[in-house]
Amino acid sequence: MANTPYPESYYAASANAVPPRPALQDDVETDVCVIGAGYTGLSSALFLLESFR
């Protein structure tokens, strides 16, 4: 297995590498910003999406 910070698991063995993304060059204005994609972040994003359509 590759040298990763993840313990040995199916996810670590099958996950694709995340391509590098450039840093933001300008300010971004938004009403909401969800940080993270764990259970809480995904639940919050889904709630906001469904509530404010």
N, C-alpha and C. Protein backbone atom coordinates (compact mmCIF):
# COMPACT_ATOMS: atom_id res chain seq x y z
N MET A 1 0.85 -1.18 0.00
CA MET A 1 0.00 0.00 0.00
C MET A 1 0.89 1.24 0.00
N ALA A 2 0.40 2.30 -0.61
CA ALA A 2 1.15 3.55 -0.69
C ALA A 2 1.35 4.15 0.69
N ASN A 3 2.33 5.02 0.81
CA ASN A 3 2.61 5.70 2.07
C ASN A 3 1.57 6.80 2.27
N THR A 4 0.51 6.52 3.03
CA THR A 4 -0.57 7.48 3.27
C THR A 4 -0.80 7.63 4.76
N PRO A 5 -1.47 8.70 5.18
CA PRO A 5 -1.78 8.86 6.60
C PRO A 5 -2.95 7.99 7.05
N TYR A 6 -3.55 7.23 6.13
CA TYR A 6 -4.71 6.41 6.45
C TYR A 6 -4.27 5.00 6.86
N PRO A 7 -4.98 4.38 7.81
CA PRO A 7 -4.68 2.98 8.12
C PRO A 7 -5.10 2.10 6.94
N GLU A 8 -4.61 0.88 6.90
CA GLU A 8 -4.98 -0.02 5.82
C GLU A 8 -6.48 -0.26 5.84
N SER A 9 -7.12 -0.01 4.70
CA SER A 9 -8.56 -0.20 4.57
C SER A 9 -8.90 -0.24 3.09
N TYR A 10 -10.14 -0.63 2.78
CA TYR A 10 -10.58 -0.62 1.39
C TYR A 10 -10.53 0.80 0.84
N TYR A 11 -10.98 1.78 1.65
CA TYR A 11 -10.98 3.17 1.20
C TYR A 11 -9.57 3.63 0.83
N ALA A 12 -8.62 3.40 1.71
CA ALA A 12 -7.25 3.85 1.45
C ALA A 12 -6.67 3.16 0.23
N ALA A 13 -7.02 1.90 0.02
CA ALA A 13 -6.48 1.15 -1.12
C ALA A 13 -7.12 1.56 -2.44
N SER A 14 -8.37 2.06 -2.41
CA SER A 14 -9.08 2.35 -3.65
C SER A 14 -9.29 3.84 -3.92
N ALA A 15 -8.95 4.71 -2.99
CA ALA A 15 -9.17 6.15 -3.18
C ALA A 15 -8.24 6.70 -4.25
N ASN A 16 -8.77 7.58 -5.07
CA ASN A 16 -7.96 8.26 -6.08
C ASN A 16 -7.27 9.46 -5.45
N ALA A 17 -6.11 9.80 -5.97
CA ALA A 17 -5.40 10.97 -5.48
C ALA A 17 -6.18 12.23 -5.83
N VAL A 18 -6.17 13.20 -4.94
CA VAL A 18 -6.86 14.47 -5.18
C VAL A 18 -5.94 15.36 -6.00
N PRO A 19 -6.42 15.85 -7.15
CA PRO A 19 -5.55 16.70 -7.96
C PRO A 19 -5.31 18.04 -7.26
N PRO A 20 -4.13 18.63 -7.43
CA PRO A 20 -3.87 19.92 -6.79
C PRO A 20 -4.77 21.00 -7.39
N ARG A 21 -5.17 21.93 -6.55
CA ARG A 21 -6.01 23.04 -7.00
C ARG A 21 -5.30 24.34 -6.67
N PRO A 22 -5.42 25.33 -7.55
CA PRO A 22 -4.75 26.60 -7.27
C PRO A 22 -5.42 27.34 -6.12
N ALA A 23 -4.66 28.14 -5.42
CA ALA A 23 -5.21 28.95 -4.33
C ALA A 23 -6.11 30.04 -4.92
N LEU A 24 -7.08 30.49 -4.14
CA LEU A 24 -7.94 31.58 -4.59
C LEU A 24 -7.11 32.84 -4.77
N GLN A 25 -7.39 33.57 -5.83
CA GLN A 25 -6.65 34.80 -6.11
C GLN A 25 -7.40 36.04 -5.64
N ASP A 26 -8.72 35.95 -5.50
CA ASP A 26 -9.55 37.08 -5.11
C ASP A 26 -10.40 36.70 -3.92
N ASP A 27 -11.10 37.69 -3.37
CA ASP A 27 -12.05 37.43 -2.30
C ASP A 27 -13.27 36.73 -2.86
N VAL A 28 -13.90 35.90 -2.04
CA VAL A 28 -15.11 35.20 -2.42
C VAL A 28 -16.18 35.56 -1.40
N GLU A 29 -17.36 35.95 -1.89
CA GLU A 29 -18.46 36.30 -1.00
C GLU A 29 -19.51 35.20 -1.08
N THR A 30 -19.96 34.73 0.07
CA THR A 30 -20.95 33.65 0.12
C THR A 30 -21.81 33.80 1.36
N ASP A 31 -23.00 33.23 1.33
CA ASP A 31 -23.88 33.26 2.50
C ASP A 31 -23.50 32.16 3.48
N VAL A 32 -23.07 31.01 2.97
CA VAL A 32 -22.74 29.86 3.80
C VAL A 32 -21.50 29.18 3.25
N CYS A 33 -20.66 28.69 4.15
CA CYS A 33 -19.50 27.92 3.74
C CYS A 33 -19.42 26.70 4.66
N VAL A 34 -19.58 25.50 4.09
CA VAL A 34 -19.49 24.26 4.86
C VAL A 34 -18.06 23.77 4.75
N ILE A 35 -17.40 23.62 5.89
CA ILE A 35 -16.02 23.14 5.93
C ILE A 35 -16.06 21.67 6.35
N GLY A 36 -15.55 20.80 5.50
CA GLY A 36 -15.49 19.39 5.84
C GLY A 36 -16.60 18.60 5.17
N ALA A 37 -16.33 17.32 4.96
CA ALA A 37 -17.30 16.45 4.30
C ALA A 37 -17.54 15.19 5.12
N GLY A 38 -17.42 15.32 6.44
CA GLY A 38 -17.78 14.21 7.31
C GLY A 38 -19.29 14.18 7.46
N TYR A 39 -19.78 13.40 8.41
CA TYR A 39 -21.23 13.29 8.59
C TYR A 39 -21.87 14.65 8.87
N THR A 40 -21.27 15.45 9.72
CA THR A 40 -21.87 16.74 10.07
C THR A 40 -21.84 17.71 8.90
N GLY A 41 -20.72 17.79 8.18
CA GLY A 41 -20.63 18.69 7.03
C GLY A 41 -21.59 18.30 5.92
N LEU A 42 -21.66 17.01 5.59
CA LEU A 42 -22.57 16.56 4.54
C LEU A 42 -24.03 16.75 4.95
N SER A 43 -24.34 16.46 6.21
CA SER A 43 -25.70 16.65 6.70
C SER A 43 -26.09 18.12 6.65
N SER A 44 -25.18 19.00 7.05
CA SER A 44 -25.45 20.44 7.01
C SER A 44 -25.66 20.93 5.58
N ALA A 45 -24.80 20.50 4.66
CA ALA A 45 -24.91 20.92 3.27
C ALA A 45 -26.23 20.43 2.66
N LEU A 46 -26.61 19.19 2.94
CA LEU A 46 -27.86 18.65 2.41
C LEU A 46 -29.06 19.40 2.99
N PHE A 47 -29.04 19.67 4.29
CA PHE A 47 -30.11 20.42 4.93
C PHE A 47 -30.26 21.80 4.29
N LEU A 48 -29.15 22.51 4.10
CA LEU A 48 -29.20 23.84 3.50
C LEU A 48 -29.71 23.78 2.07
N LEU A 49 -29.25 22.80 1.30
CA LEU A 49 -29.69 22.64 -0.08
C LEU A 49 -31.20 22.42 -0.16
N GLU A 50 -31.71 21.53 0.68
CA GLU A 50 -33.14 21.21 0.65
C GLU A 50 -34.00 22.33 1.24
N SER A 51 -33.48 23.11 2.18
CA SER A 51 -34.26 24.14 2.85
C SER A 51 -34.40 25.43 2.04
N PHE A 52 -33.41 25.74 1.23
CA PHE A 52 -33.39 27.05 0.58
C PHE A 52 -33.44 26.97 -0.93
N ARG A 53 -34.10 25.97 -1.47
CA ARG A 53 -34.26 25.87 -2.93
C ARG A 53 -35.29 26.84 -3.40
